[in-house]
Amino acid sequence: MAKVQELKSRLRPGHVYRRQDLAAWSNAVDRHLKQLVNDGTLTKLAGGLYCFPKETAFGKAPAEDNTLVETFLKDRRFLLASPTAYNSLGVGTTQLYDRTVVYNHKRHGDFVLGGRKFAFRVKPSFPKTLTKEFLLVDLVNNLDQLAEARNEVLRRVRERAGSHDARRLRRAVRDYGNVRAKKFFDRVLKAG
């Protein structure tokens, strides 16, 4: 029992832990993890991934996406995005999506972590933060995954491209665009 209490004393609210992180503080990590999950101290998010949730006035708060993804990847180099963010561009997209896209350098695939859907995509490069220019390029990159009418969205992207800083948009296309996006924006930016 003393070892479980020692392990509990090392946990920090809101942090996400891998099993191997906790093994350093326990001589029977699997048994102790089971006890801590059963008594509600830890929440199991996925195989080998646990959260010590923060207590709020509304109950236990889920782990923040950044913390969850950083622990899962064991890497800080990633960008969280969502197709829902395209709605802010004013190009006619209105759908709400229940998944978060994680651009990163290590993992590819769809995972459910803590009950939330994440689509991990390995990309050679991505910005540190979301910008309007990146979102516009990313929308064209992922056009076939959207629920909206593609031709209508592309028409509106063509119209909106002129309201963006041309130099920043060209750089975003060069750095993050796939072949289709590069061809599309090459025509749009030459016409503009």
N, C-alpha and C. Protein backbone atom coordinates (compact mmCIF):
# COMPACT_ATOMS: atom_id res chain seq x y z
N MET A 1 0.82 -1.20 0.00
CA MET A 1 0.00 0.00 0.00
C MET A 1 0.87 1.27 0.00
N ALA A 2 2.00 1.19 0.68
CA ALA A 2 2.89 2.34 0.76
C ALA A 2 3.44 2.70 -0.62
N LYS A 3 3.70 1.68 -1.45
CA LYS A 3 4.22 1.94 -2.80
C LYS A 3 3.16 2.63 -3.66
N VAL A 4 1.90 2.25 -3.51
CA VAL A 4 0.82 2.90 -4.26
C VAL A 4 0.72 4.36 -3.83
N GLN A 5 0.82 4.63 -2.55
CA GLN A 5 0.76 6.01 -2.05
C GLN A 5 1.95 6.83 -2.56
N GLU A 6 3.11 6.20 -2.62
CA GLU A 6 4.29 6.88 -3.15
C GLU A 6 4.08 7.23 -4.62
N LEU A 7 3.52 6.29 -5.38
CA LEU A 7 3.23 6.53 -6.78
C LEU A 7 2.22 7.66 -6.93
N LYS A 8 1.17 7.65 -6.12
CA LYS A 8 0.15 8.71 -6.14
C LYS A 8 0.77 10.07 -5.86
N SER A 9 1.72 10.11 -4.92
CA SER A 9 2.32 11.39 -4.52
C SER A 9 3.12 12.02 -5.66
N ARG A 10 3.53 11.22 -6.62
CA ARG A 10 4.32 11.74 -7.75
C ARG A 10 3.45 12.24 -8.91
N LEU A 11 2.18 11.91 -8.89
CA LEU A 11 1.28 12.29 -9.98
C LEU A 11 0.92 13.77 -9.89
N ARG A 12 0.79 14.41 -11.04
CA ARG A 12 0.43 15.83 -11.12
C ARG A 12 -0.89 15.97 -11.87
N PRO A 13 -1.83 16.73 -11.32
CA PRO A 13 -3.14 16.90 -11.99
C PRO A 13 -3.00 17.44 -13.41
N GLY A 14 -3.75 16.82 -14.33
CA GLY A 14 -3.75 17.27 -15.72
C GLY A 14 -2.66 16.63 -16.56
N HIS A 15 -1.77 15.86 -15.94
CA HIS A 15 -0.68 15.24 -16.69
C HIS A 15 -1.11 13.89 -17.27
N VAL A 16 -0.49 13.56 -18.38
CA VAL A 16 -0.70 12.27 -19.04
C VAL A 16 0.60 11.49 -18.90
N TYR A 17 0.48 10.21 -18.56
CA TYR A 17 1.65 9.38 -18.31
C TYR A 17 1.61 8.13 -19.17
N ARG A 18 2.79 7.70 -19.59
CA ARG A 18 2.94 6.40 -20.23
C ARG A 18 3.25 5.39 -19.13
N ARG A 19 2.92 4.15 -19.38
CA ARG A 19 3.18 3.10 -18.40
C ARG A 19 4.65 3.10 -18.00
N GLN A 20 5.55 3.22 -18.98
CA GLN A 20 6.98 3.17 -18.67
C GLN A 20 7.43 4.34 -17.80
N ASP A 21 6.74 5.51 -17.90
CA ASP A 21 7.08 6.64 -17.03
C ASP A 21 6.78 6.29 -15.58
N LEU A 22 5.65 5.63 -15.37
CA LEU A 22 5.23 5.29 -14.01
C LEU A 22 6.00 4.10 -13.45
N ALA A 23 6.56 3.27 -14.30
CA ALA A 23 7.31 2.09 -13.86
C ALA A 23 8.53 2.49 -13.02
N ALA A 24 9.06 3.67 -13.24
CA ALA A 24 10.22 4.13 -12.47
C ALA A 24 9.89 4.34 -11.00
N TRP A 25 8.60 4.52 -10.68
CA TRP A 25 8.18 4.81 -9.31
C TRP A 25 7.46 3.63 -8.65
N SER A 26 7.47 2.47 -9.30
CA SER A 26 6.71 1.34 -8.79
C SER A 26 7.48 0.03 -8.97
N ASN A 27 7.32 -0.87 -8.00
CA ASN A 27 7.95 -2.18 -8.13
C ASN A 27 6.98 -3.22 -8.70
N ALA A 28 5.70 -2.82 -8.88
CA ALA A 28 4.67 -3.69 -9.47
C ALA A 28 3.73 -2.79 -10.26
N VAL A 29 4.24 -2.20 -11.33
CA VAL A 29 3.53 -1.13 -12.04
C VAL A 29 2.16 -1.57 -12.54
N ASP A 30 2.03 -2.76 -13.10
CA ASP A 30 0.73 -3.17 -13.64
C ASP A 30 -0.31 -3.32 -12.55
N ARG A 31 0.06 -3.90 -11.42
CA ARG A 31 -0.87 -4.04 -10.30
C ARG A 31 -1.25 -2.66 -9.75
N HIS A 32 -0.27 -1.79 -9.60
CA HIS A 32 -0.54 -0.46 -9.07
C HIS A 32 -1.40 0.36 -10.04
N LEU A 33 -1.14 0.24 -11.34
CA LEU A 33 -1.96 0.95 -12.32
C LEU A 33 -3.41 0.48 -12.25
N LYS A 34 -3.59 -0.82 -12.14
CA LYS A 34 -4.94 -1.37 -12.04
C LYS A 34 -5.66 -0.82 -10.81
N GLN A 35 -4.96 -0.77 -9.68
CA GLN A 35 -5.54 -0.22 -8.45
C GLN A 35 -5.92 1.25 -8.63
N LEU A 36 -5.02 2.03 -9.22
CA LEU A 36 -5.26 3.46 -9.39
C LEU A 36 -6.39 3.74 -10.39
N VAL A 37 -6.53 2.91 -11.41
CA VAL A 37 -7.64 3.05 -12.35
C VAL A 37 -8.94 2.66 -11.65
N ASN A 38 -8.92 1.56 -10.92
CA ASN A 38 -10.13 1.09 -10.22
C ASN A 38 -10.63 2.07 -9.16
N ASP A 39 -9.70 2.75 -8.47
CA ASP A 39 -10.15 3.70 -7.43
C ASP A 39 -10.41 5.11 -7.99
N GLY A 40 -10.24 5.27 -9.33
CA GLY A 40 -10.57 6.54 -9.96
C GLY A 40 -9.46 7.57 -9.95
N THR A 41 -8.29 7.21 -9.41
CA THR A 41 -7.18 8.16 -9.38
C THR A 41 -6.68 8.44 -10.80
N LEU A 42 -6.50 7.38 -11.57
CA LEU A 42 -6.05 7.50 -12.96
C LEU A 42 -7.18 7.12 -13.91
N THR A 43 -7.15 7.70 -15.09
CA THR A 43 -8.07 7.34 -16.16
C THR A 43 -7.24 6.72 -17.28
N LYS A 44 -7.64 5.54 -17.73
CA LYS A 44 -6.93 4.90 -18.84
C LYS A 44 -7.42 5.52 -20.14
N LEU A 45 -6.49 6.06 -20.92
CA LEU A 45 -6.83 6.74 -22.18
C LEU A 45 -6.70 5.83 -23.38
N ALA A 46 -5.72 4.94 -23.33
CA ALA A 46 -5.43 3.98 -24.39
C ALA A 46 -4.45 2.99 -23.79
N GLY A 47 -4.08 1.98 -24.55
CA GLY A 47 -3.12 1.00 -24.05
C GLY A 47 -1.82 1.66 -23.62
N GLY A 48 -1.49 1.57 -22.34
CA GLY A 48 -0.25 2.14 -21.82
C GLY A 48 -0.25 3.63 -21.63
N LEU A 49 -1.41 4.28 -21.72
CA LEU A 49 -1.52 5.74 -21.60
C LEU A 49 -2.56 6.08 -20.55
N TYR A 50 -2.17 6.88 -19.55
CA TYR A 50 -3.03 7.18 -18.41
C TYR A 50 -3.01 8.67 -18.11
N CYS A 51 -4.10 9.16 -17.54
CA CYS A 51 -4.21 10.57 -17.16
C CYS A 51 -4.56 10.67 -15.69
N PHE A 52 -3.94 11.62 -15.01
CA PHE A 52 -4.33 11.98 -13.65
C PHE A 52 -5.14 13.28 -13.81
N PRO A 53 -6.47 13.15 -13.91
CA PRO A 53 -7.29 14.32 -14.26
C PRO A 53 -7.31 15.40 -13.17
N LYS A 54 -7.46 16.63 -13.64
CA LYS A 54 -7.67 17.75 -12.73
C LYS A 54 -9.11 17.71 -12.23
N GLU A 55 -9.29 18.04 -10.98
CA GLU A 55 -10.64 18.16 -10.42
C GLU A 55 -11.11 19.59 -10.67
N THR A 56 -12.31 19.73 -11.20
CA THR A 56 -12.91 21.04 -11.40
C THR A 56 -14.26 21.07 -10.70
N ALA A 57 -14.92 22.21 -10.71
CA ALA A 57 -16.25 22.33 -10.12
C ALA A 57 -17.26 21.44 -10.84
N PHE A 58 -16.94 21.05 -12.06
CA PHE A 58 -17.84 20.23 -12.87
C PHE A 58 -17.44 18.76 -12.89
N GLY A 59 -16.43 18.39 -12.12
CA GLY A 59 -15.95 17.01 -12.10
C GLY A 59 -14.54 16.94 -12.65
N LYS A 60 -14.17 15.75 -13.08
CA LYS A 60 -12.82 15.54 -13.60
C LYS A 60 -12.71 16.06 -15.03
N ALA A 61 -11.69 16.87 -15.25
CA ALA A 61 -11.46 17.45 -16.59
C ALA A 61 -10.64 16.47 -17.42
N PRO A 62 -10.99 16.30 -18.70
CA PRO A 62 -10.18 15.42 -19.56
C PRO A 62 -8.82 16.05 -19.82
N ALA A 63 -7.89 15.24 -20.23
CA ALA A 63 -6.55 15.74 -20.58
C ALA A 63 -6.65 16.69 -21.76
N GLU A 64 -5.82 17.71 -21.75
CA GLU A 64 -5.79 18.64 -22.89
C GLU A 64 -5.18 17.93 -24.09
N ASP A 65 -5.69 18.27 -25.27
CA ASP A 65 -5.23 17.60 -26.49
C ASP A 65 -3.72 17.69 -26.67
N ASN A 66 -3.14 18.89 -26.41
CA ASN A 66 -1.69 19.05 -26.58
C ASN A 66 -0.91 18.10 -25.68
N THR A 67 -1.32 18.01 -24.41
CA THR A 67 -0.64 17.14 -23.45
C THR A 67 -0.79 15.68 -23.84
N LEU A 68 -1.99 15.32 -24.24
CA LEU A 68 -2.29 13.94 -24.63
C LEU A 68 -1.44 13.51 -25.84
N VAL A 69 -1.43 14.35 -26.87
CA VAL A 69 -0.70 14.03 -28.11
C VAL A 69 0.81 14.04 -27.86
N GLU A 70 1.30 14.99 -27.09
CA GLU A 70 2.74 15.05 -26.81
C GLU A 70 3.21 13.78 -26.09
N THR A 71 2.44 13.31 -25.13
CA THR A 71 2.81 12.09 -24.41
C THR A 71 2.70 10.88 -25.33
N PHE A 72 1.65 10.81 -26.12
CA PHE A 72 1.46 9.69 -27.04
C PHE A 72 2.62 9.59 -28.04
N LEU A 73 3.00 10.74 -28.61
CA LEU A 73 4.07 10.76 -29.61
C LEU A 73 5.48 10.71 -29.01
N LYS A 74 5.59 11.11 -27.74
CA LYS A 74 6.90 11.33 -27.11
C LYS A 74 7.68 12.36 -27.94
N ASP A 75 6.98 13.41 -28.34
CA ASP A 75 7.56 14.43 -29.21
C ASP A 75 6.71 15.70 -29.10
N ARG A 76 7.35 16.85 -29.13
CA ARG A 76 6.63 18.13 -29.08
C ARG A 76 6.40 18.72 -30.46
N ARG A 77 6.95 18.09 -31.48
CA ARG A 77 6.84 18.63 -32.84
C ARG A 77 5.61 18.05 -33.53
N PHE A 78 4.50 18.78 -33.41
CA PHE A 78 3.27 18.38 -34.07
C PHE A 78 2.37 19.61 -34.18
N LEU A 79 1.35 19.50 -35.01
CA LEU A 79 0.38 20.57 -35.18
C LEU A 79 -1.01 19.95 -35.13
N LEU A 80 -1.85 20.48 -34.25
CA LEU A 80 -3.24 20.02 -34.15
C LEU A 80 -4.08 20.88 -35.08
N ALA A 81 -4.89 20.22 -35.88
CA ALA A 81 -5.78 20.92 -36.81
C ALA A 81 -7.10 20.16 -36.86
N SER A 82 -8.10 20.78 -37.44
CA SER A 82 -9.38 20.12 -37.62
C SER A 82 -10.01 20.63 -38.91
N PRO A 83 -10.64 19.75 -39.67
CA PRO A 83 -11.34 20.23 -40.87
C PRO A 83 -12.41 21.26 -40.53
N THR A 84 -12.89 21.29 -39.31
CA THR A 84 -13.86 22.30 -38.88
C THR A 84 -13.27 23.71 -38.99
N ALA A 85 -11.95 23.83 -38.84
CA ALA A 85 -11.28 25.14 -38.93
C ALA A 85 -11.43 25.77 -40.31
N TYR A 86 -11.68 24.95 -41.34
CA TYR A 86 -11.88 25.50 -42.68
C TYR A 86 -13.09 26.43 -42.72
N ASN A 87 -14.03 26.23 -41.82
CA ASN A 87 -15.24 27.06 -41.79
C ASN A 87 -14.92 28.53 -41.56
N SER A 88 -13.80 28.82 -40.93
CA SER A 88 -13.42 30.21 -40.64
C SER A 88 -12.87 30.94 -41.87
N LEU A 89 -12.65 30.22 -42.96
CA LEU A 89 -12.05 30.83 -44.15
C LEU A 89 -13.05 31.55 -45.05
N GLY A 90 -14.34 31.32 -44.84
CA GLY A 90 -15.35 31.98 -45.66
C GLY A 90 -15.43 31.42 -47.07
N VAL A 91 -15.21 30.12 -47.23
CA VAL A 91 -15.23 29.51 -48.56
C VAL A 91 -16.39 28.53 -48.72
N GLY A 92 -17.36 28.62 -47.85
CA GLY A 92 -18.57 27.81 -48.00
C GLY A 92 -18.56 26.49 -47.27
N THR A 93 -17.53 26.21 -46.50
CA THR A 93 -17.53 24.97 -45.71
C THR A 93 -18.28 25.25 -44.41
N THR A 94 -19.14 24.31 -44.04
CA THR A 94 -19.96 24.50 -42.83
C THR A 94 -20.03 23.26 -41.96
N GLN A 95 -19.45 22.16 -42.40
CA GLN A 95 -19.54 20.91 -41.65
C GLN A 95 -18.75 20.98 -40.34
N LEU A 96 -19.23 20.24 -39.35
CA LEU A 96 -18.50 20.09 -38.09
C LEU A 96 -17.95 18.66 -38.07
N TYR A 97 -16.68 18.53 -37.75
CA TYR A 97 -16.03 17.23 -37.75
C TYR A 97 -15.64 16.85 -36.33
N ASP A 98 -15.73 15.55 -36.02
CA ASP A 98 -15.48 15.10 -34.66
C ASP A 98 -14.09 14.49 -34.49
N ARG A 99 -13.16 14.89 -35.32
CA ARG A 99 -11.81 14.37 -35.19
C ARG A 99 -10.81 15.51 -35.30
N THR A 100 -9.66 15.27 -34.70
CA THR A 100 -8.57 16.22 -34.76
C THR A 100 -7.46 15.60 -35.60
N VAL A 101 -6.94 16.37 -36.53
CA VAL A 101 -5.83 15.92 -37.35
C VAL A 101 -4.54 16.34 -36.65
N VAL A 102 -3.60 15.41 -36.57
CA VAL A 102 -2.31 15.68 -35.92
C VAL A 102 -1.22 15.52 -36.97
N TYR A 103 -0.69 16.65 -37.45
CA TYR A 103 0.44 16.59 -38.37
C TYR A 103 1.69 16.40 -37.52
N ASN A 104 2.50 15.39 -37.87
CA ASN A 104 3.66 15.07 -37.06
C ASN A 104 4.70 14.36 -37.93
N HIS A 105 5.82 14.01 -37.31
CA HIS A 105 6.91 13.35 -38.03
C HIS A 105 7.06 11.87 -37.68
N LYS A 106 6.17 11.31 -36.81
CA LYS A 106 6.42 9.96 -36.28
C LYS A 106 5.33 8.93 -36.54
N ARG A 107 4.06 9.29 -36.38
CA ARG A 107 2.98 8.30 -36.40
C ARG A 107 1.98 8.61 -37.50
N HIS A 108 1.43 7.54 -38.09
CA HIS A 108 0.39 7.68 -39.10
C HIS A 108 -0.72 6.69 -38.77
N GLY A 109 -1.94 7.17 -38.79
CA GLY A 109 -3.08 6.29 -38.53
C GLY A 109 -4.13 6.99 -37.69
N ASP A 110 -5.25 6.33 -37.54
CA ASP A 110 -6.36 6.86 -36.74
C ASP A 110 -6.36 6.19 -35.38
N PHE A 111 -6.42 7.00 -34.33
CA PHE A 111 -6.39 6.49 -32.97
C PHE A 111 -7.48 7.16 -32.14
N VAL A 112 -8.02 6.41 -31.19
CA VAL A 112 -8.94 6.97 -30.20
C VAL A 112 -8.16 7.06 -28.91
N LEU A 113 -7.99 8.27 -28.41
CA LEU A 113 -7.26 8.52 -27.18
C LEU A 113 -8.18 9.27 -26.22
N GLY A 114 -8.44 8.67 -25.09
CA GLY A 114 -9.32 9.32 -24.11
C GLY A 114 -10.72 9.54 -24.65
N GLY A 115 -11.17 8.67 -25.54
CA GLY A 115 -12.51 8.79 -26.10
C GLY A 115 -12.63 9.78 -27.25
N ARG A 116 -11.52 10.39 -27.65
CA ARG A 116 -11.54 11.36 -28.75
C ARG A 116 -10.80 10.79 -29.95
N LYS A 117 -11.26 11.17 -31.15
CA LYS A 117 -10.67 10.65 -32.39
C LYS A 117 -9.55 11.57 -32.87
N PHE A 118 -8.42 10.96 -33.17
CA PHE A 118 -7.27 11.69 -33.71
C PHE A 118 -6.81 11.00 -34.98
N ALA A 119 -6.59 11.78 -36.02
CA ALA A 119 -6.05 11.27 -37.29
C ALA A 119 -4.61 11.76 -37.39
N PHE A 120 -3.66 10.87 -37.11
CA PHE A 120 -2.25 11.21 -37.17
C PHE A 120 -1.77 11.10 -38.61
N ARG A 121 -1.13 12.16 -39.09
CA ARG A 121 -0.63 12.20 -40.46
C ARG A 121 0.83 12.62 -40.44
N VAL A 122 1.69 11.77 -40.99
CA VAL A 122 3.11 12.09 -41.07
C VAL A 122 3.31 13.06 -42.23
N LYS A 123 3.90 14.18 -41.95
CA LYS A 123 4.19 15.21 -42.96
C LYS A 123 5.63 15.65 -42.81
N PRO A 124 6.31 15.91 -43.91
CA PRO A 124 7.70 16.36 -43.81
C PRO A 124 7.81 17.75 -43.18
N SER A 125 6.79 18.59 -43.41
CA SER A 125 6.83 19.93 -42.81
C SER A 125 5.41 20.43 -42.56
N PHE A 126 5.30 21.26 -41.54
CA PHE A 126 4.04 21.91 -41.18
C PHE A 126 4.41 23.10 -40.30
N PRO A 127 3.56 24.12 -40.26
CA PRO A 127 3.89 25.30 -39.44
C PRO A 127 3.75 24.99 -37.95
N LYS A 128 4.28 25.88 -37.12
CA LYS A 128 4.16 25.70 -35.67
C LYS A 128 2.75 26.03 -35.19
N THR A 129 2.09 26.94 -35.89
CA THR A 129 0.72 27.32 -35.54
C THR A 129 -0.12 27.39 -36.82
N LEU A 130 -1.42 27.28 -36.65
CA LEU A 130 -2.32 27.38 -37.80
C LEU A 130 -2.37 28.81 -38.29
N THR A 131 -2.25 28.99 -39.60
CA THR A 131 -2.43 30.30 -40.21
C THR A 131 -3.52 30.18 -41.26
N LYS A 132 -4.08 31.29 -41.64
CA LYS A 132 -5.13 31.28 -42.68
C LYS A 132 -4.58 30.71 -43.99
N GLU A 133 -3.34 31.09 -44.31
CA GLU A 133 -2.73 30.61 -45.55
C GLU A 133 -2.54 29.09 -45.51
N PHE A 134 -2.04 28.57 -44.38
CA PHE A 134 -1.87 27.12 -44.26
C PHE A 134 -3.22 26.43 -44.38
N LEU A 135 -4.25 26.96 -43.70
CA LEU A 135 -5.58 26.34 -43.75
C LEU A 135 -6.13 26.31 -45.18
N LEU A 136 -5.91 27.39 -45.93
CA LEU A 136 -6.39 27.43 -47.31
C LEU A 136 -5.70 26.35 -48.15
N VAL A 137 -4.39 26.21 -48.00
CA VAL A 137 -3.64 25.18 -48.73
C VAL A 137 -4.08 23.79 -48.25
N ASP A 138 -4.22 23.63 -46.94
CA ASP A 138 -4.61 22.34 -46.37
C ASP A 138 -6.00 21.93 -46.84
N LEU A 139 -6.89 22.90 -46.98
CA LEU A 139 -8.24 22.62 -47.49
C LEU A 139 -8.16 22.02 -48.89
N VAL A 140 -7.35 22.62 -49.76
CA VAL A 140 -7.22 22.10 -51.13
C VAL A 140 -6.52 20.74 -51.11
N ASN A 141 -5.54 20.58 -50.23
CA ASN A 141 -4.87 19.27 -50.08
C ASN A 141 -5.88 18.17 -49.74
N ASN A 142 -6.84 18.50 -48.90
CA ASN A 142 -7.77 17.50 -48.36
C ASN A 142 -9.18 17.62 -48.93
N LEU A 143 -9.31 18.23 -50.07
CA LEU A 143 -10.62 18.49 -50.67
C LEU A 143 -11.48 17.24 -50.81
N ASP A 144 -10.86 16.12 -51.16
CA ASP A 144 -11.63 14.90 -51.38
C ASP A 144 -12.18 14.29 -50.09
N GLN A 145 -11.77 14.80 -48.94
CA GLN A 145 -12.26 14.29 -47.66
C GLN A 145 -13.38 15.15 -47.08
N LEU A 146 -13.75 16.21 -47.78
CA LEU A 146 -14.78 17.12 -47.27
C LEU A 146 -16.16 16.72 -47.78
N ALA A 147 -17.18 17.08 -47.01
CA ALA A 147 -18.55 16.74 -47.36
C ALA A 147 -19.17 17.74 -48.34
N GLU A 148 -18.59 18.92 -48.48
CA GLU A 148 -19.16 19.97 -49.33
C GLU A 148 -18.90 19.71 -50.82
N ALA A 149 -19.64 20.44 -51.66
CA ALA A 149 -19.48 20.36 -53.11
C ALA A 149 -18.10 20.92 -53.49
N ARG A 150 -17.26 20.09 -54.06
CA ARG A 150 -15.86 20.46 -54.32
C ARG A 150 -15.72 21.64 -55.26
N ASN A 151 -16.46 21.63 -56.36
CA ASN A 151 -16.33 22.71 -57.34
C ASN A 151 -16.72 24.06 -56.74
N GLU A 152 -17.76 24.06 -55.92
CA GLU A 152 -18.21 25.29 -55.27
C GLU A 152 -17.15 25.79 -54.29
N VAL A 153 -16.58 24.89 -53.52
CA VAL A 153 -15.54 25.27 -52.56
C VAL A 153 -14.33 25.82 -53.30
N LEU A 154 -13.90 25.15 -54.37
CA LEU A 154 -12.75 25.64 -55.14
C LEU A 154 -13.01 27.01 -55.75
N ARG A 155 -14.24 27.24 -56.22
CA ARG A 155 -14.58 28.56 -56.78
C ARG A 155 -14.41 29.63 -55.71
N ARG A 156 -14.87 29.33 -54.50
CA ARG A 156 -14.76 30.32 -53.41
C ARG A 156 -13.31 30.48 -52.94
N VAL A 157 -12.55 29.40 -52.95
CA VAL A 157 -11.13 29.50 -52.59
C VAL A 157 -10.43 30.41 -53.59
N ARG A 158 -10.75 30.25 -54.88
CA ARG A 158 -10.18 31.10 -55.93
C ARG A 158 -10.48 32.57 -55.65
N GLU A 159 -11.73 32.86 -55.26
CA GLU A 159 -12.13 34.24 -54.96
C GLU A 159 -11.41 34.77 -53.71
N ARG A 160 -11.30 33.94 -52.66
CA ARG A 160 -10.73 34.37 -51.39
C ARG A 160 -9.20 34.48 -51.44
N ALA A 161 -8.57 33.75 -52.33
CA ALA A 161 -7.11 33.75 -52.39
C ALA A 161 -6.57 35.16 -52.60
N GLY A 162 -7.30 35.99 -53.32
CA GLY A 162 -6.87 37.36 -53.57
C GLY A 162 -6.85 38.24 -52.33
N SER A 163 -7.60 37.86 -51.30
CA SER A 163 -7.63 38.66 -50.08
C SER A 163 -6.50 38.29 -49.11
N HIS A 164 -5.69 37.30 -49.46
CA HIS A 164 -4.57 36.89 -48.61
C HIS A 164 -3.28 37.54 -49.11
N ASP A 165 -2.33 37.67 -48.23
CA ASP A 165 -1.00 38.17 -48.58
C ASP A 165 -0.40 37.17 -49.58
N ALA A 166 -0.19 37.62 -50.81
CA ALA A 166 0.25 36.73 -51.90
C ALA A 166 1.59 36.06 -51.58
N ARG A 167 2.51 36.81 -50.95
CA ARG A 167 3.82 36.24 -50.63
C ARG A 167 3.68 35.11 -49.61
N ARG A 168 2.88 35.34 -48.57
CA ARG A 168 2.69 34.30 -47.54
C ARG A 168 1.93 33.10 -48.09
N LEU A 169 0.97 33.36 -48.98
CA LEU A 169 0.22 32.26 -49.58
C LEU A 169 1.13 31.43 -50.49
N ARG A 170 1.98 32.09 -51.28
CA ARG A 170 2.93 31.36 -52.14
C ARG A 170 3.86 30.48 -51.31
N ARG A 171 4.34 31.04 -50.19
CA ARG A 171 5.24 30.29 -49.31
C ARG A 171 4.51 29.08 -48.72
N ALA A 172 3.27 29.26 -48.30
CA ALA A 172 2.48 28.14 -47.75
C ALA A 172 2.25 27.07 -48.80
N VAL A 173 1.96 27.48 -50.03
CA VAL A 173 1.77 26.52 -51.12
C VAL A 173 3.06 25.75 -51.37
N ARG A 174 4.17 26.46 -51.43
CA ARG A 174 5.47 25.82 -51.68
C ARG A 174 5.83 24.84 -50.57
N ASP A 175 5.62 25.25 -49.32
CA ASP A 175 6.06 24.44 -48.18
C ASP A 175 5.10 23.30 -47.82
N TYR A 176 3.78 23.49 -48.04
CA TYR A 176 2.81 22.54 -47.51
C TYR A 176 1.85 21.95 -48.54
N GLY A 177 1.87 22.46 -49.77
CA GLY A 177 0.91 22.00 -50.76
C GLY A 177 1.29 20.68 -51.40
N ASN A 178 0.27 19.85 -51.68
CA ASN A 178 0.52 18.65 -52.47
C ASN A 178 0.50 19.05 -53.95
N VAL A 179 0.67 18.11 -54.84
CA VAL A 179 0.77 18.42 -56.27
C VAL A 179 -0.48 19.14 -56.76
N ARG A 180 -1.67 18.63 -56.38
CA ARG A 180 -2.93 19.25 -56.81
C ARG A 180 -3.03 20.70 -56.31
N ALA A 181 -2.68 20.92 -55.05
CA ALA A 181 -2.76 22.27 -54.48
C ALA A 181 -1.78 23.21 -55.18
N LYS A 182 -0.59 22.72 -55.46
CA LYS A 182 0.41 23.57 -56.13
C LYS A 182 -0.07 23.98 -57.52
N LYS A 183 -0.63 23.04 -58.27
CA LYS A 183 -1.15 23.37 -59.60
C LYS A 183 -2.32 24.35 -59.50
N PHE A 184 -3.22 24.10 -58.56
CA PHE A 184 -4.40 24.96 -58.40
C PHE A 184 -3.98 26.39 -58.05
N PHE A 185 -3.12 26.54 -57.03
CA PHE A 185 -2.73 27.89 -56.60
C PHE A 185 -1.81 28.56 -57.61
N ASP A 186 -1.05 27.79 -58.36
CA ASP A 186 -0.21 28.39 -59.40
C ASP A 186 -1.09 29.12 -60.41
N ARG A 187 -2.19 28.46 -60.83
CA ARG A 187 -3.13 29.10 -61.76
C ARG A 187 -3.82 30.30 -61.12
N VAL A 188 -4.24 30.15 -59.87
CA VAL A 188 -4.97 31.22 -59.17
C VAL A 188 -4.08 32.44 -58.97
N LEU A 189 -2.85 32.22 -58.52
CA LEU A 189 -1.97 33.35 -58.22
C LEU A 189 -1.46 34.03 -59.48
N LYS A 190 -1.34 33.30 -60.59
CA LYS A 190 -0.96 33.93 -61.86
C LYS A 190 -2.08 34.79 -62.40
N ALA A 191 -3.32 34.32 -62.21
CA ALA A 191 -4.48 35.07 -62.71
C ALA A 191 -4.72 36.32 -61.88
N GLY A 192 -4.32 36.27 -60.57
CA GLY A 192 -4.61 37.38 -59.65
C GLY A 192 -3.65 38.48 -59.73
